[in-house]
Every structure is written in C-alpha cells, then in structure tokens.
PDB file of N, CA and C in Angstrom:
ATOM      1  N   MET A   1      -7.857  -4.029  15.675  1.00  0.00           N
ATOM      2  CA  MET A   1      -7.197  -3.384  14.560  1.00  0.00           C
ATOM      3  C   MET A   1      -5.724  -3.787  14.583  1.00  0.00           C
ATOM      4  N   THR A   2      -5.265  -4.456  13.533  1.00  0.00           N
ATOM      5  CA  THR A   2      -3.890  -4.925  13.455  1.00  0.00           C
ATOM      6  C   THR A   2      -3.159  -4.240  12.315  1.00  0.00           C
ATOM      7  N   TRP A   3      -2.043  -3.636  12.629  1.00  0.00           N
ATOM      8  CA  TRP A   3      -1.221  -2.971  11.617  1.00  0.00           C
ATOM      9  C   TRP A   3      -0.109  -3.909  11.174  1.00  0.00           C
ATOM     10  N   LYS A   4       0.148  -3.954   9.869  1.00  0.00           N
ATOM     11  CA  LYS A   4       1.234  -4.753   9.305  1.00  0.00           C
ATOM     12  C   LYS A   4       2.254  -3.804   8.687  1.00  0.00           C
ATOM     13  N   LYS A   5       3.527  -4.103   8.891  1.00  0.00           N
ATOM     14  CA  LYS A   5       4.595  -3.310   8.287  1.00  0.00           C
ATOM     15  C   LYS A   5       4.718  -3.682   6.813  1.00  0.00           C
ATOM     16  N   VAL A   6       4.671  -2.694   5.944  1.00  0.00           N
ATOM     17  CA  VAL A   6       4.839  -2.925   4.510  1.00  0.00           C
ATOM     18  C   VAL A   6       6.336  -3.084   4.234  1.00  0.00           C
ATOM     19  N   THR A   7       6.700  -4.171   3.552  1.00  0.00           N
ATOM     20  CA  THR A   7       8.114  -4.428   3.270  1.00  0.00           C
ATOM     21  C   THR A   7       8.474  -4.265   1.796  1.00  0.00           C
ATOM     22  N   GLY A   8       7.463  -4.155   0.954  1.00  0.00           N
ATOM     23  CA  GLY A   8       7.726  -4.000  -0.474  1.00  0.00           C
ATOM     24  C   GLY A   8       6.429  -3.784  -1.227  1.00  0.00           C
ATOM     25  N   TYR A   9       6.559  -3.593  -2.522  1.00  0.00           N
ATOM     26  CA  TYR A   9       5.386  -3.367  -3.355  1.00  0.00           C
ATOM     27  C   TYR A   9       5.684  -3.775  -4.789  1.00  0.00           C
ATOM     28  N   GLU A  10       4.637  -4.049  -5.544  1.00  0.00           N
ATOM     29  CA  GLU A  10       4.749  -4.337  -6.972  1.00  0.00           C
ATOM     30  C   GLU A  10       3.728  -3.472  -7.695  1.00  0.00           C
ATOM     31  N   LEU A  11       4.133  -2.909  -8.820  1.00  0.00           N
ATOM     32  CA  LEU A  11       3.250  -2.059  -9.618  1.00  0.00           C
ATOM     33  C   LEU A  11       2.926  -2.755 -10.931  1.00  0.00           C
ATOM     34  N   GLU A  12       1.663  -2.721 -11.323  1.00  0.00           N
ATOM     35  CA  GLU A  12       1.231  -3.314 -12.588  1.00  0.00           C
ATOM     36  C   GLU A  12       0.418  -2.266 -13.342  1.00  0.00           C
ATOM     37  N   TRP A  13       1.003  -1.691 -14.383  1.00  0.00           N
ATOM     38  CA  TRP A  13       0.341  -0.665 -15.192  1.00  0.00           C
ATOM     39  C   TRP A  13      -0.324  -1.321 -16.398  1.00  0.00           C
ATOM     40  N   GLN A  14      -1.571  -0.978 -16.657  1.00  0.00           N
ATOM     41  CA  GLN A  14      -2.319  -1.540 -17.778  1.00  0.00           C
ATOM     42  C   GLN A  14      -2.535  -0.432 -18.811  1.00  0.00           C
ATOM     43  N   VAL A  15      -1.762  -0.489 -19.883  1.00  0.00           N
ATOM     44  CA  VAL A  15      -1.732   0.563 -20.888  1.00  0.00           C
ATOM     45  C   VAL A  15      -3.105   0.797 -21.518  1.00  0.00           C
ATOM     46  N   ARG A  16      -3.791  -0.273 -21.861  1.00  0.00           N
ATOM     47  CA  ARG A  16      -5.086  -0.128 -22.558  1.00  0.00           C
ATOM     48  C   ARG A  16      -6.107   0.671 -21.766  1.00  0.00           C
ATOM     49  N   ILE A  17      -6.112   0.488 -20.454  1.00  0.00           N
ATOM     50  CA  ILE A  17      -7.116   1.190 -19.647  1.00  0.00           C
ATOM     51  C   ILE A  17      -6.541   2.399 -18.909  1.00  0.00           C
ATOM     52  N   LYS A  18      -5.253   2.617 -19.068  1.00  0.00           N
ATOM     53  CA  LYS A  18      -4.567   3.732 -18.397  1.00  0.00           C
ATOM     54  C   LYS A  18      -4.846   3.741 -16.902  1.00  0.00           C
ATOM     55  N   GLY A  19      -4.631   2.591 -16.301  1.00  0.00           N
ATOM     56  CA  GLY A  19      -4.792   2.418 -14.863  1.00  0.00           C
ATOM     57  C   GLY A  19      -3.927   1.264 -14.413  1.00  0.00           C
ATOM     58  N   GLY A  20      -3.918   1.001 -13.134  1.00  0.00           N
ATOM     59  CA  GLY A  20      -3.073  -0.086 -12.670  1.00  0.00           C
ATOM     60  C   GLY A  20      -3.405  -0.556 -11.273  1.00  0.00           C
ATOM     61  N   ARG A  21      -2.726  -1.620 -10.883  1.00  0.00           N
ATOM     62  CA  ARG A  21      -2.893  -2.217  -9.557  1.00  0.00           C
ATOM     63  C   ARG A  21      -1.588  -2.079  -8.773  1.00  0.00           C
ATOM     64  N   VAL A  22      -1.740  -1.989  -7.470  1.00  0.00           N
ATOM     65  CA  VAL A  22      -0.595  -1.972  -6.568  1.00  0.00           C
ATOM     66  C   VAL A  22      -0.736  -3.186  -5.652  1.00  0.00           C
ATOM     67  N   THR A  23       0.306  -4.000  -5.589  1.00  0.00           N
ATOM     68  CA  THR A  23       0.335  -5.126  -4.661  1.00  0.00           C
ATOM     69  C   THR A  23       1.263  -4.750  -3.521  1.00  0.00           C
ATOM     70  N   ILE A  24       0.746  -4.868  -2.302  1.00  0.00           N
ATOM     71  CA  ILE A  24       1.499  -4.503  -1.100  1.00  0.00           C
ATOM     72  C   ILE A  24       2.029  -5.782  -0.476  1.00  0.00           C
ATOM     73  N   LEU A  25       3.335  -5.795  -0.205  1.00  0.00           N
ATOM     74  CA  LEU A  25       4.003  -6.974   0.352  1.00  0.00           C
ATOM     75  C   LEU A  25       4.327  -6.753   1.826  1.00  0.00           C
ATOM     76  N   PHE A  26       4.243  -7.854   2.601  1.00  0.00           N
ATOM     77  CA  PHE A  26       4.516  -7.818   4.030  1.00  0.00           C
ATOM     78  C   PHE A  26       5.620  -8.823   4.346  1.00  0.00           C
ATOM     79  N   GLY A  27       5.863  -9.071   5.601  1.00  0.00           N
ATOM     80  CA  GLY A  27       6.892 -10.020   6.002  1.00  0.00           C
ATOM     81  C   GLY A  27       6.572 -11.443   5.588  1.00  0.00           C
ATOM     82  N   GLU A  28       7.533 -12.337   5.807  1.00  0.00           N
ATOM     83  CA  GLU A  28       7.359 -13.748   5.442  1.00  0.00           C
ATOM     84  C   GLU A  28       6.122 -14.336   6.102  1.00  0.00           C
ATOM     85  N   GLY A  29       5.413 -15.151   5.337  1.00  0.00           N
ATOM     86  CA  GLY A  29       4.232 -15.818   5.853  1.00  0.00           C
ATOM     87  C   GLY A  29       2.957 -14.991   5.747  1.00  0.00           C
ATOM     88  N   GLU A  30       3.065 -13.737   5.395  1.00  0.00           N
ATOM     89  CA  GLU A  30       1.899 -12.862   5.252  1.00  0.00           C
ATOM     90  C   GLU A  30       1.486 -12.794   3.789  1.00  0.00           C
ATOM     91  N   SER A  31       0.205 -12.918   3.528  1.00  0.00           N
ATOM     92  CA  SER A  31      -0.296 -12.815   2.155  1.00  0.00           C
ATOM     93  C   SER A  31      -0.271 -11.362   1.695  1.00  0.00           C
ATOM     94  N   PRO A  32       0.073 -11.121   0.428  1.00  0.00           N
ATOM     95  CA  PRO A  32       0.071  -9.748  -0.083  1.00  0.00           C
ATOM     96  C   PRO A  32      -1.361  -9.225  -0.230  1.00  0.00           C
ATOM     97  N   ALA A  33      -1.494  -7.915  -0.318  1.00  0.00           N
ATOM     98  CA  ALA A  33      -2.794  -7.265  -0.558  1.00  0.00           C
ATOM     99  C   ALA A  33      -2.698  -6.545  -1.898  1.00  0.00           C
ATOM    100  N   THR A  34      -3.688  -6.744  -2.761  1.00  0.00           N
ATOM    101  CA  THR A  34      -3.679  -6.124  -4.084  1.00  0.00           C
ATOM    102  C   THR A  34      -4.857  -5.168  -4.209  1.00  0.00           C
ATOM    103  N   SER A  35      -4.582  -3.988  -4.690  1.00  0.00           N
ATOM    104  CA  SER A  35      -5.628  -2.983  -4.878  1.00  0.00           C
ATOM    105  C   SER A  35      -6.507  -3.351  -6.065  1.00  0.00           C
ATOM    106  N   PRO A  36      -7.700  -2.774  -6.123  1.00  0.00           N
ATOM    107  CA  PRO A  36      -8.469  -2.876  -7.369  1.00  0.00           C
ATOM    108  C   PRO A  36      -7.749  -2.030  -8.421  1.00  0.00           C
ATOM    109  N   VAL A  37      -8.215  -2.045  -9.654  1.00  0.00           N
ATOM    110  CA  VAL A  37      -7.609  -1.197 -10.680  1.00  0.00           C
ATOM    111  C   VAL A  37      -7.817   0.261 -10.276  1.00  0.00           C
ATOM    112  N   LEU A  38      -6.717   1.003 -10.214  1.00  0.00           N
ATOM    113  CA  LEU A  38      -6.738   2.410  -9.817  1.00  0.00           C
ATOM    114  C   LEU A  38      -6.640   3.311 -11.035  1.00  0.00           C
ATOM    115  N   SER A  39      -7.210   4.496 -10.941  1.00  0.00           N
ATOM    116  CA  SER A  39      -7.059   5.493 -12.004  1.00  0.00           C
ATOM    117  C   SER A  39      -5.584   5.882 -12.098  1.00  0.00           C
ATOM    118  N   ALA A  40      -5.212   6.514 -13.184  1.00  0.00           N
ATOM    119  CA  ALA A  40      -3.815   6.936 -13.372  1.00  0.00           C
ATOM    120  C   ALA A  40      -3.358   7.830 -12.223  1.00  0.00           C
ATOM    121  N   GLN A  41      -4.205   8.738 -11.798  1.00  0.00           N
ATOM    122  CA  GLN A  41      -3.832   9.662 -10.717  1.00  0.00           C
ATOM    123  C   GLN A  41      -3.646   8.918  -9.397  1.00  0.00           C
ATOM    124  N   ASP A  42      -4.591   8.053  -9.049  1.00  0.00           N
ATOM    125  CA  ASP A  42      -4.479   7.296  -7.797  1.00  0.00           C
ATOM    126  C   ASP A  42      -3.278   6.344  -7.821  1.00  0.00           C
ATOM    127  N   PHE A  43      -3.040   5.715  -8.964  1.00  0.00           N
ATOM    128  CA  PHE A  43      -1.895   4.823  -9.125  1.00  0.00           C
ATOM    129  C   PHE A  43      -0.591   5.588  -8.893  1.00  0.00           C
ATOM    130  N   SER A  44      -0.510   6.778  -9.466  1.00  0.00           N
ATOM    131  CA  SER A  44       0.689   7.609  -9.334  1.00  0.00           C
ATOM    132  C   SER A  44       0.926   8.019  -7.880  1.00  0.00           C
ATOM    133  N   VAL A  45      -0.140   8.390  -7.185  1.00  0.00           N
ATOM    134  CA  VAL A  45      -0.017   8.784  -5.778  1.00  0.00           C
ATOM    135  C   VAL A  45       0.488   7.612  -4.936  1.00  0.00           C
ATOM    136  N   MET A  46      -0.089   6.430  -5.152  1.00  0.00           N
ATOM    137  CA  MET A  46       0.341   5.245  -4.399  1.00  0.00           C
ATOM    138  C   MET A  46       1.802   4.912  -4.695  1.00  0.00           C
ATOM    139  N   ALA A  47       2.169   4.937  -5.974  1.00  0.00           N
ATOM    140  CA  ALA A  47       3.547   4.624  -6.360  1.00  0.00           C
ATOM    141  C   ALA A  47       4.525   5.607  -5.722  1.00  0.00           C
ATOM    142  N   ASP A  48       4.196   6.886  -5.745  1.00  0.00           N
ATOM    143  CA  ASP A  48       5.071   7.899  -5.138  1.00  0.00           C
ATOM    144  C   ASP A  48       5.218   7.685  -3.637  1.00  0.00           C
ATOM    145  N   MET A  49       4.113   7.362  -2.972  1.00  0.00           N
ATOM    146  CA  MET A  49       4.178   7.132  -1.530  1.00  0.00           C
ATOM    147  C   MET A  49       5.128   5.977  -1.219  1.00  0.00           C
ATOM    148  N   PHE A  50       4.993   4.881  -1.957  1.00  0.00           N
ATOM    149  CA  PHE A  50       5.865   3.740  -1.692  1.00  0.00           C
ATOM    150  C   PHE A  50       7.318   4.052  -2.052  1.00  0.00           C
ATOM    151  N   ARG A  51       7.553   4.750  -3.128  1.00  0.00           N
ATOM    152  CA  ARG A  51       8.934   5.085  -3.515  1.00  0.00           C
ATOM    153  C   ARG A  51       9.629   5.933  -2.465  1.00  0.00           C
ATOM    154  N   HIS A  52       8.907   6.878  -1.882  1.00  0.00           N
ATOM    155  CA  HIS A  52       9.529   7.848  -0.978  1.00  0.00           C
ATOM    156  C   HIS A  52       9.363   7.527   0.503  1.00  0.00           C
ATOM    157  N   GLU A  53       8.363   6.732   0.858  1.00  0.00           N
ATOM    158  CA  GLU A  53       8.063   6.497   2.272  1.00  0.00           C
ATOM    159  C   GLU A  53       8.035   5.020   2.660  1.00  0.00           C
ATOM    160  N   LEU A  54       8.525   4.125   1.812  1.00  0.00           N
ATOM    161  CA  LEU A  54       8.377   2.687   2.055  1.00  0.00           C
ATOM    162  C   LEU A  54       8.772   2.267   3.468  1.00  0.00           C
ATOM    163  N   LEU A  55       9.834   2.798   3.986  1.00  0.00           N
ATOM    164  CA  LEU A  55      10.306   2.382   5.307  1.00  0.00           C
ATOM    165  C   LEU A  55       9.368   2.818   6.427  1.00  0.00           C
ATOM    166  N   ARG A  56       8.399   3.693   6.117  1.00  0.00           N
ATOM    167  CA  ARG A  56       7.487   4.217   7.135  1.00  0.00           C
ATOM    168  C   ARG A  56       6.020   3.839   6.888  1.00  0.00           C
ATOM    169  N   VAL A  57       5.744   2.938   5.932  1.00  0.00           N
ATOM    170  CA  VAL A  57       4.356   2.637   5.575  1.00  0.00           C
ATOM    171  C   VAL A  57       3.836   1.420   6.344  1.00  0.00           C
ATOM    172  N   TRP A  58       2.639   1.574   6.894  1.00  0.00           N
ATOM    173  CA  TRP A  58       1.929   0.524   7.622  1.00  0.00           C
ATOM    174  C   TRP A  58       0.574   0.318   6.961  1.00  0.00           C
ATOM    175  N   TYR A  59       0.029  -0.902   7.083  1.00  0.00           N
ATOM    176  CA  TYR A  59      -1.248  -1.257   6.471  1.00  0.00           C
ATOM    177  C   TYR A  59      -2.140  -1.929   7.498  1.00  0.00           C
ATOM    178  N   GLU A  60      -3.381  -1.469   7.590  1.00  0.00           N
ATOM    179  CA  GLU A  60      -4.359  -2.070   8.486  1.00  0.00           C
ATOM    180  C   GLU A  60      -5.338  -2.826   7.605  1.00  0.00           C
ATOM    181  N   ASP A  61      -5.315  -4.176   7.690  1.00  0.00           N
ATOM    182  CA  ASP A  61      -6.043  -4.969   6.706  1.00  0.00           C
ATOM    183  C   ASP A  61      -7.554  -5.014   6.881  1.00  0.00           C
ATOM    184  N   ALA A  62      -8.079  -4.865   8.070  1.00  0.00           N
ATOM    185  CA  ALA A  62      -9.531  -4.938   8.256  1.00  0.00           C
ATOM    186  C   ALA A  62     -10.244  -3.790   7.548  1.00  0.00           C
ATOM    187  N   GLN A  63      -9.678  -2.589   7.654  1.00  0.00           N
ATOM    188  CA  GLN A  63     -10.305  -1.421   7.040  1.00  0.00           C
ATOM    189  C   GLN A  63      -9.559  -0.942   5.790  1.00  0.00           C
ATOM    190  N   LYS A  64      -8.475  -1.641   5.433  1.00  0.00           N
ATOM    191  CA  LYS A  64      -7.658  -1.309   4.259  1.00  0.00           C
ATOM    192  C   LYS A  64      -7.148   0.139   4.307  1.00  0.00           C
ATOM    193  N   ILE A  65      -6.461   0.443   5.412  1.00  0.00           N
ATOM    194  CA  ILE A  65      -5.909   1.776   5.638  1.00  0.00           C
ATOM    195  C   ILE A  65      -4.396   1.724   5.459  1.00  0.00           C
ATOM    196  N   LEU A  66      -3.848   2.684   4.740  1.00  0.00           N
ATOM    197  CA  LEU A  66      -2.392   2.873   4.658  1.00  0.00           C
ATOM    198  C   LEU A  66      -2.046   4.102   5.479  1.00  0.00           C
ATOM    199  N   LYS A  67      -0.938   4.015   6.203  1.00  0.00           N
ATOM    200  CA  LYS A  67      -0.522   5.130   7.039  1.00  0.00           C
ATOM    201  C   LYS A  67       0.998   5.191   7.055  1.00  0.00           C
ATOM    202  N   THR A  68       1.555   6.394   7.052  1.00  0.00           N
ATOM    203  CA  THR A  68       3.001   6.529   7.209  1.00  0.00           C
ATOM    204  C   THR A  68       3.288   6.937   8.646  1.00  0.00           C
ATOM    205  N   SER A  69       4.249   6.247   9.244  1.00  0.00           N
ATOM    206  CA  SER A  69       4.599   6.517  10.633  1.00  0.00           C
ATOM    207  C   SER A  69       5.968   5.920  10.928  1.00  0.00           C
ATOM    208  N   GLY A  70       6.729   6.567  11.777  1.00  0.00           N
ATOM    209  CA  GLY A  70       8.023   6.051  12.175  1.00  0.00           C
ATOM    210  C   GLY A  70       7.931   4.859  13.108  1.00  0.00           C
ATOM    211  N   LYS A  71       6.749   4.621  13.679  1.00  0.00           N
ATOM    212  CA  LYS A  71       6.545   3.464  14.551  1.00  0.00           C
ATOM    213  C   LYS A  71       5.145   2.915  14.291  1.00  0.00           C
ATOM    214  N   GLU A  72       4.866   1.734  14.806  1.00  0.00           N
ATOM    215  CA  GLU A  72       3.572   1.106  14.569  1.00  0.00           C
ATOM    216  C   GLU A  72       2.440   1.987  15.058  1.00  0.00           C
ATOM    217  N   PRO A  73       1.475   2.288  14.189  1.00  0.00           N
ATOM    218  CA  PRO A  73       0.332   3.118  14.624  1.00  0.00           C
ATOM    219  C   PRO A  73      -0.464   2.412  15.712  1.00  0.00           C
ATOM    220  N   THR A  74      -1.106   3.183  16.561  1.00  0.00           N
ATOM    221  CA  THR A  74      -1.893   2.612  17.651  1.00  0.00           C
ATOM    222  C   THR A  74      -3.381   2.866  17.485  1.00  0.00           C
ATOM    223  N   SER A  75      -3.757   3.598  16.459  1.00  0.00           N
ATOM    224  CA  SER A  75      -5.169   3.914  16.278  1.00  0.00           C
ATOM    225  C   SER A  75      -5.523   3.892  14.803  1.00  0.00           C
ATOM    226  N   GLY A  76      -6.788   4.145  14.519  1.00  0.00           N
ATOM    227  CA  GLY A  76      -7.285   4.204  13.150  1.00  0.00           C
ATOM    228  C   GLY A  76      -6.913   5.487  12.459  1.00  0.00           C
ATOM    229  N   PRO A  77      -7.648   5.836  11.400  1.00  0.00           N
ATOM    230  CA  PRO A  77      -7.330   7.036  10.637  1.00  0.00           C
ATOM    231  C   PRO A  77      -7.430   8.281  11.500  1.00  0.00           C
ATOM    232  N   SER A  78      -6.547   9.227  11.241  1.00  0.00           N
ATOM    233  CA  SER A  78      -6.581  10.461  12.011  1.00  0.00           C
ATOM    234  C   SER A  78      -6.981  11.622  11.155  1.00  0.00           C
TER     235      SER A  78
END
C-alpha cells in the first residue's frame, strides 16, 4: 500500500448533467488520478475537502482511498 501526497486538484463541472470530475495532482513525475463523474453532492464534498484540507490530503492508488492526515498514513482505511 503506497500513499501519495496530494499537491493540487482540478475541478470540472458539467452543467448539463449536474455532476463533475475531480482530478487529483501529485508531485512531479506522478500521473494524476481522475474520478468518474460524481453527483453534485459528492462533487461538492470532494471540492470542500480539497479547499480546506489540501495540505493534509493523501491518496492510496491501489484502493483509491483519500485520507487526511498531518503525516503519511501507515495503514488502510480506519
């Protein structure tokens, strides 16, 4: 299980379907991860988390887990 530090994000809102995608950015050389189209509620929750907790967000790519922590997580979901 490898955790990656999230360094940024991009939001793409699709008006016609009232949903959107979130692209998660990592350090140089790391490929971004893009969510499937999310419902308006899920999109809003993700956007709020990144706006308020970006400096503490980590991503585990094998299981697609997001976690907020002041240091690199050492385990899976809690």
